[in-house]
C-alpha atoms as a PDB file:
ATOM      1  CA  UNK A   1      -5.966 -33.091-160.857  1.00  0.00           C
ATOM      2  CA  UNK A   2      -2.942 -30.121-160.917  1.00  0.00           C
ATOM      3  CA  UNK A   3      -0.185 -31.364-163.349  1.00  0.00           C
ATOM      4  CA  UNK A   4       3.552 -30.321-162.324  1.00  0.00           C
ATOM      5  CA  UNK A   5       4.531 -28.611-165.687  1.00  0.00           C
ATOM      6  CA  UNK A   6       7.860 -30.103-166.427  1.00  0.00           C
ATOM      7  CA  UNK A   7      11.013 -28.233-167.095  1.00  0.00           C
ATOM      8  CA  UNK A   8      13.127 -27.549-170.095  1.00  0.00           C
ATOM      9  CA  UNK A   9      16.573 -27.590-168.291  1.00  0.00           C
ATOM     10  CA  UNK A  10      17.716 -26.181-171.720  1.00  0.00           C
ATOM     11  CA  UNK A  11      15.046 -23.566-171.831  1.00  0.00           C
ATOM     12  CA  UNK A  12      15.889 -22.982-167.871  1.00  0.00           C
ATOM     13  CA  UNK A  13      19.712 -22.433-168.958  1.00  0.00           C
ATOM     14  CA  UNK A  14      18.961 -20.323-171.406  1.00  0.00           C
ATOM     15  CA  UNK A  15      16.648 -17.718-169.469  1.00  0.00           C
ATOM     16  CA  UNK A  16      19.058 -18.091-166.717  1.00  0.00           C
ATOM     17  CA  UNK A  17      21.682 -16.837-169.279  1.00  0.00           C
ATOM     18  CA  UNK A  18      19.672 -14.040-170.490  1.00  0.00           C
ATOM     19  CA  UNK A  19      19.125 -12.748-167.122  1.00  0.00           C
ATOM     20  CA  UNK A  20      22.687 -13.171-166.114  1.00  0.00           C
ATOM     21  CA  UNK A  21      23.719 -11.007-169.924  1.00  0.00           C
ATOM     22  CA  UNK A  22      21.345  -8.420-168.938  1.00  0.00           C
ATOM     23  CA  UNK A  23      22.491  -7.882-165.676  1.00  0.00           C
ATOM     24  CA  UNK A  24      26.055  -7.773-167.220  1.00  0.00           C
ATOM     25  CA  UNK A  25      25.019  -4.943-169.572  1.00  0.00           C
ATOM     26  CA  UNK A  26      23.212  -2.781-167.140  1.00  0.00           C
ATOM     27  CA  UNK A  27      26.202  -3.232-164.839  1.00  0.00           C
ATOM     28  CA  UNK A  28      28.814  -1.759-167.545  1.00  0.00           C
ATOM     29  CA  UNK A  29      26.242   1.254-169.181  1.00  0.00           C
ATOM     30  CA  UNK A  30      26.458   2.109-165.096  1.00  0.00           C
ATOM     31  CA  UNK A  31      30.330   2.888-165.362  1.00  0.00           C
ATOM     32  CA  UNK A  32      29.935   5.081-168.600  1.00  0.00           C
ATOM     33  CA  UNK A  33      31.341   8.310-167.579  1.00  0.00           C
ATOM     34  CA  UNK A  34      28.475  10.617-165.714  1.00  0.00           C
ATOM     35  CA  UNK A  35      28.570  12.718-163.175  1.00  0.00           C
ATOM     36  CA  UNK A  36      27.322  10.307-160.766  1.00  0.00           C
ATOM     37  CA  UNK A  37      30.802   8.079-161.263  1.00  0.00           C
ATOM     38  CA  UNK A  38      33.743   9.283-158.305  1.00  0.00           C
ATOM     39  CA  UNK A  39      36.055  12.316-159.770  1.00  0.00           C
ATOM     40  CA  UNK A  40      38.903   9.836-159.582  1.00  0.00           C
ATOM     41  CA  UNK A  41      37.638   7.588-162.467  1.00  0.00           C
ATOM     42  CA  UNK A  42      37.382  11.166-164.955  1.00  0.00           C
ATOM     43  CA  UNK A  43      40.515  12.342-163.786  1.00  0.00           C
ATOM     44  CA  UNK A  44      41.829   8.707-164.476  1.00  0.00           C
ATOM     45  CA  UNK A  45      40.236   9.251-167.875  1.00  0.00           C
ATOM     46  CA  UNK A  46      41.652  12.641-168.754  1.00  0.00           C
ATOM     47  CA  UNK A  47      45.331  11.129-167.415  1.00  0.00           C
ATOM     48  CA  UNK A  48      44.520   8.465-170.693  1.00  0.00           C
ATOM     49  CA  UNK A  49      43.213  11.033-172.931  1.00  0.00           C
ATOM     50  CA  UNK A  50      46.892  13.470-172.479  1.00  0.00           C
ATOM     51  CA  UNK A  51      49.239  10.050-172.556  1.00  0.00           C
ATOM     52  CA  UNK A  52      47.067   9.099-175.817  1.00  0.00           C
ATOM     53  CA  UNK A  53      48.038  12.938-176.671  1.00  0.00           C
ATOM     54  CA  UNK A  54      51.618  12.856-176.659  1.00  0.00           C
ATOM     55  CA  UNK A  55      51.788   9.271-177.809  1.00  0.00           C
ATOM     56  CA  UNK A  56      50.405  10.559-180.953  1.00  0.00           C
ATOM     57  CA  UNK A  57      51.939  13.939-181.671  1.00  0.00           C
ATOM     58  CA  UNK A  58      51.123  15.381-185.557  1.00  0.00           C
ATOM     59  CA  UNK A  59      48.189  16.795-187.149  1.00  0.00           C
ATOM     60  CA  UNK A  60      45.154  14.973-188.791  1.00  0.00           C
ATOM     61  CA  UNK A  61      42.695  12.488-187.522  1.00  0.00           C
ATOM     62  CA  UNK A  62      44.355   9.415-185.283  1.00  0.00           C
ATOM     63  CA  UNK A  63      42.714   5.679-185.432  1.00  0.00           C
ATOM     64  CA  UNK A  64      43.235   4.253-181.923  1.00  0.00           C
ATOM     65  CA  UNK A  65      41.893   0.637-181.561  1.00  0.00           C
ATOM     66  CA  UNK A  66      40.749  -0.440-177.864  1.00  0.00           C
ATOM     67  CA  UNK A  67      41.178  -4.059-177.517  1.00  0.00           C
ATOM     68  CA  UNK A  68      42.428  -6.621-174.849  1.00  0.00           C
ATOM     69  CA  UNK A  69      43.963 -10.687-174.909  1.00  0.00           C
ATOM     70  CA  UNK A  70      40.711 -12.617-173.909  1.00  0.00           C
ATOM     71  CA  UNK A  71      37.197 -11.758-172.993  1.00  0.00           C
ATOM     72  CA  UNK A  72      35.314  -9.239-170.675  1.00  0.00           C
ATOM     73  CA  UNK A  73      38.121  -7.360-169.641  1.00  0.00           C
ATOM     74  CA  UNK A  74      36.371  -4.337-170.167  1.00  0.00           C
ATOM     75  CA  UNK A  75      37.671  -2.913-173.306  1.00  0.00           C
ATOM     76  CA  UNK A  76      33.530  -1.422-174.563  1.00  0.00           C
ATOM     77  CA  UNK A  77      33.816   0.429-171.441  1.00  0.00           C
ATOM     78  CA  UNK A  78      36.812   2.117-171.748  1.00  0.00           C
ATOM     79  CA  UNK A  79      37.132   2.490-175.704  1.00  0.00           C
ATOM     80  CA  UNK A  80      33.717   4.627-175.019  1.00  0.00           C
ATOM     81  CA  UNK A  81      34.741   6.192-172.043  1.00  0.00           C
ATOM     82  CA  UNK A  82      38.254   7.424-173.432  1.00  0.00           C
ATOM     83  CA  UNK A  83      36.201   8.928-176.276  1.00  0.00           C
ATOM     84  CA  UNK A  84      33.901  11.119-174.259  1.00  0.00           C
ATOM     85  CA  UNK A  85      37.244  12.436-172.551  1.00  0.00           C
ATOM     86  CA  UNK A  86      38.340  13.689-176.316  1.00  0.00           C
ATOM     87  CA  UNK A  87      34.686  14.640-177.042  1.00  0.00           C
ATOM     88  CA  UNK A  88      35.193  17.642-174.062  1.00  0.00           C
ATOM     89  CA  UNK A  89      37.907  18.909-175.780  1.00  0.00           C
ATOM     90  CA  UNK A  90      35.995  20.488-178.150  1.00  0.00           C
ATOM     91  CA  UNK A  91      37.649  17.529-180.724  1.00  0.00           C
ATOM     92  CA  UNK A  92      35.092  15.672-182.964  1.00  0.00           C
ATOM     93  CA  UNK A  93      34.706  12.068-182.515  1.00  0.00           C
ATOM     94  CA  UNK A  94      33.599   8.725-183.470  1.00  0.00           C
ATOM     95  CA  UNK A  95      33.295   5.360-181.956  1.00  0.00           C
ATOM     96  CA  UNK A  96      33.044   2.566-184.004  1.00  0.00           C
ATOM     97  CA  UNK A  97      31.775  -0.958-182.826  1.00  0.00           C
ATOM     98  CA  UNK A  98      33.887  -3.146-184.276  1.00  0.00           C
ATOM     99  CA  UNK A  99      33.296  -6.609-182.883  1.00  0.00           C
ATOM    100  CA  UNK A 100      30.986  -7.911-185.412  1.00  0.00           C
ATOM    101  CA  UNK A 101      31.177 -10.990-183.374  1.00  0.00           C
ATOM    102  CA  UNK A 102      30.220  -9.908-180.207  1.00  0.00           C
ATOM    103  CA  UNK A 103      29.025  -6.425-180.068  1.00  0.00           C
ATOM    104  CA  UNK A 104      28.747  -4.351-177.074  1.00  0.00           C
ATOM    105  CA  UNK A 105      28.246  -0.572-177.684  1.00  0.00           C
ATOM    106  CA  UNK A 106      24.947  -0.641-178.647  1.00  0.00           C
ATOM    107  CA  UNK A 107      23.891  -2.241-175.602  1.00  0.00           C
ATOM    108  CA  UNK A 108      25.932  -0.111-173.377  1.00  0.00           C
ATOM    109  CA  UNK A 109      24.190   3.258-175.008  1.00  0.00           C
ATOM    110  CA  UNK A 110      20.582   1.236-175.184  1.00  0.00           C
ATOM    111  CA  UNK A 111      20.527   1.697-178.939  1.00  0.00           C
ATOM    112  CA  UNK A 112      18.040  -0.283-180.896  1.00  0.00           C
ATOM    113  CA  UNK A 113      18.992   0.872-184.363  1.00  0.00           C
ATOM    114  CA  UNK A 114      19.930  -2.216-186.590  1.00  0.00           C
ATOM    115  CA  UNK A 115      21.891  -0.552-189.026  1.00  0.00           C
ATOM    116  CA  UNK A 116      25.474  -0.438-188.702  1.00  0.00           C
ATOM    117  CA  UNK A 117      28.916  -1.225-189.581  1.00  0.00           C
ATOM    118  CA  UNK A 118      28.234  -4.639-191.462  1.00  0.00           C
ATOM    119  CA  UNK A 119      25.376  -3.149-193.081  1.00  0.00           C
ATOM    120  CA  UNK A 120      27.772   0.274-194.394  1.00  0.00           C
ATOM    121  CA  UNK A 121      30.600  -2.744-195.429  1.00  0.00           C
ATOM    122  CA  UNK A 122      28.310  -4.931-197.479  1.00  0.00           C
ATOM    123  CA  UNK A 123      26.457  -1.703-199.113  1.00  0.00           C
ATOM    124  CA  UNK A 124      23.014  -2.347-197.429  1.00  0.00           C
ATOM    125  CA  UNK A 125      22.978   0.991-195.897  1.00  0.00           C
ATOM    126  CA  UNK A 126      24.381   4.607-196.421  1.00  0.00           C
ATOM    127  CA  UNK A 127      27.068   5.918-194.055  1.00  0.00           C
ATOM    128  CA  UNK A 128      25.300   9.344-192.815  1.00  0.00           C
ATOM    129  CA  UNK A 129      22.297   6.861-191.804  1.00  0.00           C
ATOM    130  CA  UNK A 130      24.319   4.310-189.794  1.00  0.00           C
ATOM    131  CA  UNK A 131      26.077   7.603-187.486  1.00  0.00           C
ATOM    132  CA  UNK A 132      23.903   7.782-184.422  1.00  0.00           C
ATOM    133  CA  UNK A 133      24.810  11.074-182.515  1.00  0.00           C
ATOM    134  CA  UNK A 134      25.030  10.570-178.401  1.00  0.00           C
ATOM    135  CA  UNK A 135      23.858  12.342-176.107  1.00  0.00           C
ATOM    136  CA  UNK A 136      27.395  13.706-175.682  1.00  0.00           C
ATOM    137  CA  UNK A 137      28.502  16.696-177.532  1.00  0.00           C
ATOM    138  CA  UNK A 138      30.562  15.862-180.225  1.00  0.00           C
ATOM    139  CA  UNK A 139      30.612  12.192-179.938  1.00  0.00           C
ATOM    140  CA  UNK A 140      28.759  10.218-182.389  1.00  0.00           C
ATOM    141  CA  UNK A 141      28.858   6.099-182.859  1.00  0.00           C
ATOM    142  CA  UNK A 142      28.509   3.492-185.735  1.00  0.00           C
ATOM    143  CA  UNK A 143      27.150   0.379-183.854  1.00  0.00           C
ATOM    144  CA  UNK A 144      28.154  -3.469-184.941  1.00  0.00           C
ATOM    145  CA  UNK A 145      24.823  -3.578-187.222  1.00  0.00           C
ATOM    146  CA  UNK A 146      23.806  -7.274-188.052  1.00  0.00           C
ATOM    147  CA  UNK A 147      25.865  -9.453-187.194  1.00  0.00           C
ATOM    148  CA  UNK A 148      27.858 -11.408-190.255  1.00  0.00           C
ATOM    149  CA  UNK A 149      28.864 -15.059-191.227  1.00  0.00           C
ATOM    150  CA  UNK A 150      32.275 -13.505-192.168  1.00  0.00           C
ATOM    151  CA  UNK A 151      33.453 -10.437-189.684  1.00  0.00           C
ATOM    152  CA  UNK A 152      37.532 -10.652-190.440  1.00  0.00           C
ATOM    153  CA  UNK A 153      36.805 -10.440-194.294  1.00  0.00           C
ATOM    154  CA  UNK A 154      34.643  -7.392-193.821  1.00  0.00           C
ATOM    155  CA  UNK A 155      37.073  -5.928-191.224  1.00  0.00           C
ATOM    156  CA  UNK A 156      40.173  -5.995-193.700  1.00  0.00           C
ATOM    157  CA  UNK A 157      38.050  -5.317-196.953  1.00  0.00           C
ATOM    158  CA  UNK A 158      38.480  -2.363-199.444  1.00  0.00           C
ATOM    159  CA  UNK A 159      34.980  -0.917-198.104  1.00  0.00           C
ATOM    160  CA  UNK A 160      36.596  -1.034-194.507  1.00  0.00           C
ATOM    161  CA  UNK A 161      39.728   1.210-195.693  1.00  0.00           C
ATOM    162  CA  UNK A 162      37.150   3.403-197.680  1.00  0.00           C
ATOM    163  CA  UNK A 163      35.142   4.218-194.709  1.00  0.00           C
ATOM    164  CA  UNK A 164      38.192   4.994-192.204  1.00  0.00           C
ATOM    165  CA  UNK A 165      39.472   7.116-195.072  1.00  0.00           C
ATOM    166  CA  UNK A 166      36.015   9.059-195.219  1.00  0.00           C
ATOM    167  CA  UNK A 167      35.525   9.542-191.426  1.00  0.00           C
ATOM    168  CA  UNK A 168      39.241  10.566-191.165  1.00  0.00           C
ATOM    169  CA  UNK A 169      38.409  13.637-193.308  1.00  0.00           C
ATOM    170  CA  UNK A 170      35.211  14.343-190.770  1.00  0.00           C
ATOM    171  CA  UNK A 171      36.586  13.296-187.603  1.00  0.00           C
ATOM    172  CA  UNK A 172      39.897  14.063-185.010  1.00  0.00           C
ATOM    173  CA  UNK A 173      39.642  10.947-183.406  1.00  0.00           C
ATOM    174  CA  UNK A 174      38.074   7.691-184.483  1.00  0.00           C
ATOM    175  CA  UNK A 175      37.885   4.554-181.782  1.00  0.00           C
ATOM    176  CA  UNK A 176      37.703   1.427-182.890  1.00  0.00           C
ATOM    177  CA  UNK A 177      36.296  -1.292-179.957  1.00  0.00           C
ATOM    178  CA  UNK A 178      37.801  -4.768-181.395  1.00  0.00           C
ATOM    179  CA  UNK A 179      37.545  -7.838-180.213  1.00  0.00           C
ATOM    180  CA  UNK A 180      40.343  -9.863-178.202  1.00  0.00           C
ATOM    181  CA  UNK A 181      43.347 -10.107-179.862  1.00  0.00           C
ATOM    182  CA  UNK A 182      44.296 -13.896-178.117  1.00  0.00           C
ATOM    183  CA  UNK A 183      40.897 -15.280-179.648  1.00  0.00           C
ATOM    184  CA  UNK A 184      40.012 -13.916-183.752  1.00  0.00           C
ATOM    185  CA  UNK A 185      42.384 -12.533-185.643  1.00  0.00           C
ATOM    186  CA  UNK A 186      39.867  -9.370-186.383  1.00  0.00           C
ATOM    187  CA  UNK A 187      42.301  -6.962-184.493  1.00  0.00           C
ATOM    188  CA  UNK A 188      44.721  -7.346-185.922  1.00  0.00           C
ATOM    189  CA  UNK A 189      43.494  -7.285-189.549  1.00  0.00           C
ATOM    190  CA  UNK A 190      43.089  -3.933-188.576  1.00  0.00           C
ATOM    191  CA  UNK A 191      46.862  -2.267-187.962  1.00  0.00           C
ATOM    192  CA  UNK A 192      47.122  -0.666-191.702  1.00  0.00           C
ATOM    193  CA  UNK A 193      44.542   1.542-190.955  1.00  0.00           C
ATOM    194  CA  UNK A 194      44.992   2.203-187.517  1.00  0.00           C
ATOM    195  CA  UNK A 195      47.494   4.713-185.684  1.00  0.00           C
ATOM    196  CA  UNK A 196      47.732   2.617-182.715  1.00  0.00           C
ATOM    197  CA  UNK A 197      46.155   0.252-180.205  1.00  0.00           C
ATOM    198  CA  UNK A 198      45.856   0.482-176.505  1.00  0.00           C
ATOM    199  CA  UNK A 199      45.203  -2.569-174.726  1.00  0.00           C
ATOM    200  CA  UNK A 200      42.719  -3.236-171.942  1.00  0.00           C
ATOM    201  CA  UNK A 201      43.824  -5.606-168.888  1.00  0.00           C
ATOM    202  CA  UNK A 202      41.186  -6.457-166.054  1.00  0.00           C
ATOM    203  CA  UNK A 203      43.088  -7.624-162.218  1.00  0.00           C
ATOM    204  CA  UNK A 204      41.638 -11.172-161.725  1.00  0.00           C
ATOM    205  CA  UNK A 205      40.903 -11.833-164.757  1.00  0.00           C
ATOM    206  CA  UNK A 206      43.859 -12.855-167.221  1.00  0.00           C
ATOM    207  CA  UNK A 207      47.004 -13.947-166.597  1.00  0.00           C
ATOM    208  CA  UNK A 208      50.540 -12.457-167.612  1.00  0.00           C
ATOM    209  CA  UNK A 209      51.244 -15.316-170.122  1.00  0.00           C
ATOM    210  CA  UNK A 210      47.759 -13.826-171.736  1.00  0.00           C
ATOM    211  CA  UNK A 211      49.405 -10.241-172.009  1.00  0.00           C
ATOM    212  CA  UNK A 212      52.500 -11.662-173.316  1.00  0.00           C
ATOM    213  CA  UNK A 213      50.625 -13.491-176.255  1.00  0.00           C
ATOM    214  CA  UNK A 214      48.719 -10.230-177.006  1.00  0.00           C
ATOM    215  CA  UNK A 215      51.655  -8.296-177.252  1.00  0.00           C
ATOM    216  CA  UNK A 216      53.397 -11.376-179.331  1.00  0.00           C
ATOM    217  CA  UNK A 217      50.331 -11.393-182.219  1.00  0.00           C
ATOM    218  CA  UNK A 218      50.248  -7.294-182.323  1.00  0.00           C
ATOM    219  CA  UNK A 219      54.385  -7.146-182.834  1.00  0.00           C
ATOM    220  CA  UNK A 220      54.194  -9.488-185.251  1.00  0.00           C
ATOM    221  CA  UNK A 221      52.001  -7.533-187.762  1.00  0.00           C
ATOM    222  CA  UNK A 222      53.801  -4.359-186.843  1.00  0.00           C
ATOM    223  CA  UNK A 223      51.054  -2.763-184.792  1.00  0.00           C
ATOM    224  CA  UNK A 224      51.966   0.612-182.875  1.00  0.00           C
ATOM    225  CA  UNK A 225      50.991  -0.528-179.023  1.00  0.00           C
ATOM    226  CA  UNK A 226      50.053   3.044-177.221  1.00  0.00           C
ATOM    227  CA  UNK A 227      49.929   1.455-174.022  1.00  0.00           C
ATOM    228  CA  UNK A 228      48.161  -0.340-171.409  1.00  0.00           C
ATOM    229  CA  UNK A 229      45.196   0.201-169.375  1.00  0.00           C
ATOM    230  CA  UNK A 230      44.785  -1.743-166.039  1.00  0.00           C
ATOM    231  CA  UNK A 231      41.287  -1.942-165.194  1.00  0.00           C
ATOM    232  CA  UNK A 232      39.020  -3.438-162.193  1.00  0.00           C
ATOM    233  CA  UNK A 233      41.969  -2.536-159.652  1.00  0.00           C
ATOM    234  CA  UNK A 234      41.173  -3.230-156.237  1.00  0.00           C
ATOM    235  CA  UNK A 235      41.696  -1.062-153.901  1.00  0.00           C
ATOM    236  CA  UNK A 236      42.644  -1.007-149.885  1.00  0.00           C
ATOM    237  CA  UNK A 237      43.819   1.897-147.629  1.00  0.00           C
ATOM    238  CA  UNK A 238      47.236   0.992-148.176  1.00  0.00           C
ATOM    239  CA  UNK A 239      47.173   1.073-151.812  1.00  0.00           C
ATOM    240  CA  UNK A 240      46.495  -2.297-154.441  1.00  0.00           C
ATOM    241  CA  UNK A 241      46.104  -4.951-151.645  1.00  0.00           C
ATOM    242  CA  UNK A 242      47.158  -7.928-152.606  1.00  0.00           C
ATOM    243  CA  UNK A 243      45.575  -8.664-155.844  1.00  0.00           C
ATOM    244  CA  UNK A 244      47.420  -9.554-158.959  1.00  0.00           C
ATOM    245  CA  UNK A 245      47.412 -12.230-162.208  1.00  0.00           C
ATOM    246  CA  UNK A 246      47.674 -15.596-161.836  1.00  0.00           C
ATOM    247  CA  UNK A 247      43.865 -16.838-160.573  1.00  0.00           C
ATOM    248  CA  UNK A 248      42.831 -17.220-164.022  1.00  0.00           C
ATOM    249  CA  UNK A 249      44.081 -18.484-167.194  1.00  0.00           C
ATOM    250  CA  UNK A 250      43.259 -19.829-170.450  1.00  0.00           C
ATOM    251  CA  UNK A 251      41.873 -23.262-168.989  1.00  0.00           C
ATOM    252  CA  UNK A 252      38.933 -21.310-167.257  1.00  0.00           C
ATOM    253  CA  UNK A 253      38.820 -17.985-169.448  1.00  0.00           C
ATOM    254  CA  UNK A 254      40.751 -18.235-172.531  1.00  0.00           C
ATOM    255  CA  UNK A 255      39.849 -19.654-175.999  1.00  0.00           C
ATOM    256  CA  UNK A 256      37.713 -22.221-175.626  1.00  0.00           C
ATOM    257  CA  UNK A 257      35.123 -20.384-173.527  1.00  0.00           C
ATOM    258  CA  UNK A 258      35.500 -17.445-175.568  1.00  0.00           C
ATOM    259  CA  UNK A 259      35.385 -18.938-178.919  1.00  0.00           C
ATOM    260  CA  UNK A 260      32.372 -20.801-178.019  1.00  0.00           C
ATOM    261  CA  UNK A 261      30.387 -17.608-177.128  1.00  0.00           C
ATOM    262  CA  UNK A 262      31.486 -16.237-180.118  1.00  0.00           C
ATOM    263  CA  UNK A 263      29.458 -19.250-181.784  1.00  0.00           C
ATOM    264  CA  UNK A 264      26.062 -19.050-180.078  1.00  0.00           C
ATOM    265  CA  UNK A 265      24.576 -16.031-181.841  1.00  0.00           C
ATOM    266  CA  UNK A 266      20.931 -16.095-179.639  1.00  0.00           C
ATOM    267  CA  UNK A 267      21.979 -12.960-177.198  1.00  0.00           C
ATOM    268  CA  UNK A 268      23.792 -11.188-179.939  1.00  0.00           C
END
């Protein structure tokens, strides 16, 4: 007699979550700058590059943190695309995935290497073994590495400061992909080694109150805010259309949901 197998609801939910995660990764990978993306997108990032250059004048390497207020506002994609545009000028650029809780860079670039930032900071590998040359000229990256139990402590440690000091001598620009400010303290802890912060805001994702809180927390640690990037803007024939903040807030997408996601390492 044919028997119908029992379905484990938890396994089914986990499988669905994994599928959604993979789909999201593929969609984000398609947003990395390439010839397939529109002219207007390339020009927008070039304008961002110009604004950053004017905001950080003078010689020497510049360290820039790209962050957001809450999760899934597009900071990782924005960070890497900004780095690409700087590399296109001939500047030597490196992107470091400093989100040691929910890393994205390795997935965006389809990198399978395991060694990364966390491994460097605990002296598990040498810097040169963790640096990865990307397909883009003048652009390197360091992925997050193994997810540690103490990410905040690692990012604020002496080895992290020493690492940035060493990289400043080798690169013109260092871009740090850092966790959302309203969720964990990691991004704020880097203020002593960062020259400026860029805050990414996704339209219809965060409320005005989330942005205000992000700015307040960065100002509290005397961080230099270079500016804001409004991501995912919806256009109409007449312009931006009827879109704005207010639909999503802390209750649905804020601290609780993101914090819970951080504690789940199955999909990291």
